[in-house]
Protein backbone atom coordinates (compact mmCIF):
# COMPACT_ATOMS: atom_id res chain seq x y z
CA MET A 1 0.00 0.00 0.00
CA GLN A 2 1.61 3.25 -1.14
CA HIS A 3 1.07 6.61 0.54
CA PRO A 4 2.20 9.34 -1.89
CA GLU A 5 2.85 12.74 -0.36
CA LEU A 6 1.83 11.49 3.09
CA PHE A 7 4.68 13.30 4.84
CA PRO A 8 5.72 16.97 4.60
CA LYS A 9 9.27 18.09 3.92
CA ILE A 10 11.21 18.94 7.07
CA ASP A 11 12.71 22.41 7.41
CA ARG A 12 16.00 22.46 9.34
CA PRO A 13 15.23 19.96 12.12
CA ARG A 14 17.69 19.45 14.96
CA ARG A 15 18.35 15.87 13.87
CA LEU A 16 16.81 14.62 10.64
CA PRO A 17 16.52 10.87 11.36
CA ASP A 18 14.77 11.56 14.70
CA GLU A 19 12.35 14.00 13.09
CA ILE A 20 11.51 11.55 10.32
CA ALA A 21 11.02 8.70 12.77
CA LYS A 22 8.75 10.96 14.82
CA ASN A 23 6.68 11.87 11.74
CA ILE A 24 6.24 8.25 10.73
CA SER A 25 5.30 7.30 14.30
CA SER A 26 2.75 10.12 14.36
CA ALA A 27 1.23 8.88 11.11
CA ILE A 28 0.90 5.42 12.66
CA GLU A 29 -0.67 6.79 15.83
CA ALA A 30 -3.12 8.86 13.76
CA GLY A 31 -4.17 5.79 11.76
CA GLN A 32 -2.75 7.06 8.47
CA LEU A 33 -0.54 4.01 8.53
CA LYS A 34 -2.11 0.91 10.04
CA PRO A 35 -0.68 -2.36 11.36
CA GLY A 36 0.27 -4.50 8.38
CA ASP A 37 0.69 -1.55 6.01
CA ARG A 38 3.90 -1.41 4.05
CA LEU A 39 5.94 1.76 4.38
CA PRO A 40 6.67 3.72 1.22
CA THR A 41 10.05 2.86 -0.30
CA GLU A 42 13.20 4.59 0.88
CA GLN A 43 13.26 6.58 -2.35
CA SER A 44 9.64 7.65 -1.93
CA LEU A 45 10.23 8.72 1.68
CA SER A 46 13.40 10.50 0.63
CA ASP A 47 11.45 12.48 -1.95
CA GLN A 48 8.56 13.26 0.41
CA PHE A 49 10.77 14.44 3.26
CA GLY A 50 13.30 16.12 0.99
CA VAL A 51 16.28 14.33 2.51
CA ALA A 52 18.90 11.82 1.42
CA ARG A 53 18.09 8.11 1.43
CA THR A 54 20.79 7.51 4.05
CA VAL A 55 18.85 9.75 6.45
CA VAL A 56 15.64 7.82 5.77
CA ARG A 57 17.51 4.55 6.28
CA GLU A 58 18.72 5.68 9.72
CA ALA A 59 15.19 6.78 10.69
CA ILE A 60 13.83 3.38 9.69
CA SER A 61 16.55 1.72 11.76
CA LEU A 62 15.36 3.68 14.81
CA LEU A 63 11.81 2.51 14.21
CA LYS A 64 12.98 -1.08 13.82
CA TYR A 65 14.78 -0.98 17.15
CA ASP A 66 11.61 0.38 18.76
CA GLY A 67 9.59 -2.44 17.21
CA VAL A 68 7.35 0.07 15.42
CA ILE A 69 8.09 -1.47 12.05
CA GLN A 70 9.39 -4.83 10.91
CA ALA A 71 11.48 -5.48 7.83
CA ARG A 72 10.77 -8.44 5.56
CA GLN A 73 13.66 -9.47 3.37
CA GLY A 74 13.06 -8.55 -0.24
CA VAL A 75 9.56 -7.22 0.47
CA GLY A 76 9.82 -4.03 2.50
CA ALA A 77 9.12 -2.57 5.92
CA PHE A 78 5.73 -3.03 7.57
CA VAL A 79 3.92 -1.45 10.52
CA THR A 80 3.74 -3.87 13.44
CA GLU A 81 0.83 -4.55 15.75
CA ALA A 82 0.87 -2.33 18.85
CA ARG A 83 1.37 -5.30 21.16
CA GLN A 84 4.59 -6.21 19.32
CA ARG A 85 6.23 -2.86 19.85
CA SER A 86 9.09 -2.44 22.27
CA ALA A 87 8.30 -1.10 25.73
CA PHE A 88 11.63 0.71 25.69
CA ARG A 89 12.24 3.95 23.84
CA ILE A 90 15.53 5.62 24.55
CA SER A 91 15.52 9.04 22.97
CA PRO A 92 18.54 9.78 20.77
CA ALA A 93 18.58 13.23 22.40
CA CYS A 94 19.85 11.52 25.55
CA PHE A 95 23.05 10.46 23.82
CA GLU A 96 25.01 13.68 23.71
CA LYS A 97 27.47 13.36 26.58
CA ARG A 98 29.64 10.85 28.33
CA LYS A 99 27.31 10.58 31.33
CA GLN A 100 24.68 8.97 29.10
CA LEU A 101 27.16 6.24 28.18
CA VAL A 102 27.72 5.70 31.91
CA GLN A 103 23.97 5.37 32.38
CA LEU A 104 23.76 2.84 29.56
CA LEU A 105 26.52 0.77 31.14
CA GLN A 106 24.63 0.88 34.42
CA LEU A 107 21.43 -0.16 32.66
CA ARG A 108 23.19 -3.02 30.97
CA THR A 109 25.00 -4.33 34.06
CA GLY A 110 22.30 -6.45 35.67
CA VAL A 111 20.91 -7.83 32.42
CA GLN A 112 24.34 -8.70 31.06
CA ALA A 113 25.31 -10.36 34.36
CA ASP A 114 22.21 -12.57 34.25
CA ALA A 115 22.82 -13.38 30.58
CA SER A 116 26.36 -14.47 31.43
CA ALA A 117 25.05 -16.66 34.23
CA LEU A 118 22.70 -18.40 31.81
CA ALA A 119 25.46 -18.73 29.22
CA ALA A 120 27.62 -20.56 31.76
CA THR A 121 25.21 -23.49 31.69
CA ALA A 122 23.54 -23.12 28.29
CA ARG A 123 26.54 -22.46 26.05
CA THR A 124 27.71 -25.04 23.55
CA ALA A 125 31.32 -25.94 22.81
CA ALA A 126 31.07 -24.08 19.51
CA GLN A 127 29.71 -20.98 21.24
CA LEU A 128 32.52 -21.11 23.79
CA THR A 129 35.03 -21.22 20.95
CA GLY A 130 33.41 -18.16 19.42
CA ILE A 131 33.49 -16.27 22.72
CA GLN A 132 37.14 -17.16 23.15
CA SER A 133 37.98 -15.91 19.66
CA PHE A 134 36.74 -12.42 20.56
CA LEU A 135 38.76 -12.50 23.78
CA GLN A 136 41.84 -13.38 21.72
CA GLU A 137 41.01 -10.53 19.37
CA MET A 138 41.09 -8.14 22.33
CA VAL A 139 44.48 -9.52 23.42
CA SER A 140 45.83 -9.09 19.90
CA ALA A 141 44.49 -5.53 19.63
CA ILE A 142 46.13 -4.50 22.90
CA THR A 143 49.56 -5.38 21.55
CA GLN A 144 49.03 -3.01 18.63
CA GLY A 145 48.39 0.05 20.81
CA ASP A 146 46.39 3.07 19.66
CA ASP A 147 46.31 1.89 16.06
CA ALA A 148 43.91 -0.89 17.04
CA VAL A 149 41.65 0.90 19.56
CA GLU A 150 38.52 0.62 17.41
CA ARG A 151 39.29 -3.01 16.74
CA ARG A 152 39.56 -3.57 20.49
CA VAL A 153 36.26 -1.82 21.15
CA ASP A 154 34.51 -3.88 18.46
CA ALA A 155 35.99 -7.10 19.85
CA GLU A 156 34.74 -6.25 23.34
CA PHE A 157 31.21 -5.63 22.08
CA ALA A 158 31.35 -8.86 20.08
CA PHE A 159 32.61 -10.77 23.14
CA TYR A 160 29.62 -9.85 25.28
CA ARG A 161 27.21 -10.15 22.36
CA ALA A 162 28.37 -13.74 21.82
CA ILE A 163 27.93 -14.44 25.53
CA THR A 164 24.41 -13.01 25.42
CA GLU A 165 23.52 -15.16 22.42
CA ALA A 166 24.90 -18.20 24.25
CA SER A 167 22.39 -17.57 27.05
CA GLY A 168 19.68 -18.94 24.77
CA ASN A 169 17.31 -16.15 25.85
CA ASP A 170 16.12 -14.08 22.90
CA TYR A 171 14.84 -11.30 25.15
CA TYR A 172 18.30 -10.71 26.58
CA VAL A 173 19.66 -10.63 23.04
CA GLU A 174 17.01 -8.12 21.97
CA PHE A 175 17.43 -5.85 25.00
CA ILE A 176 21.21 -5.77 24.92
CA GLY A 177 21.15 -5.40 21.14
CA MET A 178 19.02 -2.28 21.57
CA ILE A 179 21.55 -0.76 23.96
CA GLU A 180 24.46 -1.62 21.66
CA ALA A 181 22.66 -0.15 18.67
CA LYS A 182 22.12 3.14 20.47
CA ILE A 183 25.75 3.28 21.51
CA PHE A 184 26.99 2.60 17.98
CA GLU A 185 24.56 5.09 16.44
CA ASN A 186 25.20 7.95 18.85
CA LEU A 187 28.06 7.28 21.25
CA ARG A 188 30.65 5.25 19.39
CA SER A 189 33.13 8.13 19.34
CA VAL A 190 32.78 8.52 23.12
CA ALA A 191 33.39 4.79 23.65
CA VAL A 192 36.44 4.81 21.39
CA LYS A 193 37.85 7.97 22.97
CA ASN A 194 37.43 6.45 26.43
CA ALA A 195 39.11 3.23 25.33
CA ARG A 196 42.04 5.22 23.94
CA ALA A 197 42.46 7.20 27.19
CA THR A 198 41.92 4.35 29.63
CA GLU A 199 44.81 2.22 30.83
CA TRP A 200 43.31 -0.77 29.11
CA GLY A 201 46.07 -3.22 29.94
CA THR A 202 46.36 -6.24 32.16
CA ALA A 203 43.74 -5.19 34.74
CA VAL A 204 40.88 -4.61 32.31
CA LEU A 205 41.76 -7.61 30.20
CA ALA A 206 41.76 -9.71 33.38
CA GLU A 207 38.12 -8.73 33.94
CA HIS A 208 37.16 -10.16 30.55
CA GLN A 209 39.29 -13.25 31.10
CA ALA A 210 37.57 -13.87 34.44
CA VAL A 211 34.18 -13.75 32.72
CA PHE A 212 35.34 -16.19 30.06
CA GLU A 213 36.85 -18.59 32.60
CA ALA A 214 33.64 -18.68 34.65
CA ILE A 215 31.65 -19.51 31.52
CA ARG A 216 34.22 -22.08 30.44
CA ILE A 217 33.97 -24.03 33.73
CA ARG A 218 30.18 -23.52 33.82
CA ASP A 219 30.23 -21.60 37.11
CA THR A 220 26.93 -19.70 37.05
CA GLU A 221 27.49 -17.46 40.05
CA ALA A 222 31.07 -16.63 39.09
CA ALA A 223 29.90 -15.69 35.59
CA ARG A 224 27.26 -13.38 37.05
CA LYS A 225 29.67 -11.77 39.53
CA THR A 226 32.60 -11.27 37.17
CA THR A 227 30.35 -9.73 34.52
CA ARG A 228 28.73 -7.40 37.02
CA ASP A 229 32.14 -6.42 38.38
CA HIS A 230 33.41 -5.58 34.91
CA PHE A 231 30.49 -3.36 33.91
CA GLU A 232 30.38 -1.58 37.26
CA ARG A 233 34.10 -0.86 37.00
CA ALA A 234 33.78 0.18 33.37
CA ALA A 235 31.07 2.70 34.28
CA GLN A 236 33.18 4.03 37.13
CA ARG A 237 36.29 4.32 34.96
CA LEU A 238 34.32 6.29 32.41
CA ALA A 239 32.76 8.55 35.04
CA ASP A 240 36.17 9.22 36.57
CA ARG A 241 37.79 10.40 33.36
CA ALA A 242 37.45 14.17 33.65
CA ASP A 243 39.98 14.71 30.85
CA ILE A 244 37.77 13.37 28.08
CA ALA A 245 35.68 15.93 26.22
CA ASP A 246 32.11 14.89 25.56
CA VAL A 247 31.32 14.49 21.89
């Protein structure tokens, strides 16, 4: 179902993808777009809003993470039923300073700790191998210094993502994936800058190694505790770094 000229062009918004996502959400709430309706194509939305397709693509990504729309491979994006939509909506406006990254780490701590505890008993041998490969990637990146900071950050995210997937709980995967997506969309530069400034040597690596070892020996409580310890310390390290400019 096409909706030509459904949306007005936006005149100098503060952040284009957020404004577009808000307009599409408003159209859904007003009943102009109903559950099951297919969104206009990226090109059509680009023309209607008067913005580049990359901006439309980012707006659609925001709506996907909120559960407002669902993409179907090769078909398009469709409006979801209200009951399917995510209960969480973290406004991109909240992601302007380092303190928001601290808050996200705090939000993630308990959920990630419980996911690690589940992974300690639910993980397969293949999943453990995958988790270990990301740990080894972090070790390798450390030896290369500042040139590999982004690689190290990506490996750390991948390490905990693999652990979450090994928990076997799709809700943990979805929730933590939402947090990661928001960090990568809005706070990646802050995370990388913090990683570059932090003494990310033996002590921090030992935190990750302790998590891996607990999962390897299937120690549920140790996996929960070591994961919680790491994220609490990570949040504190970030909060303590007064020399990092917010970006």
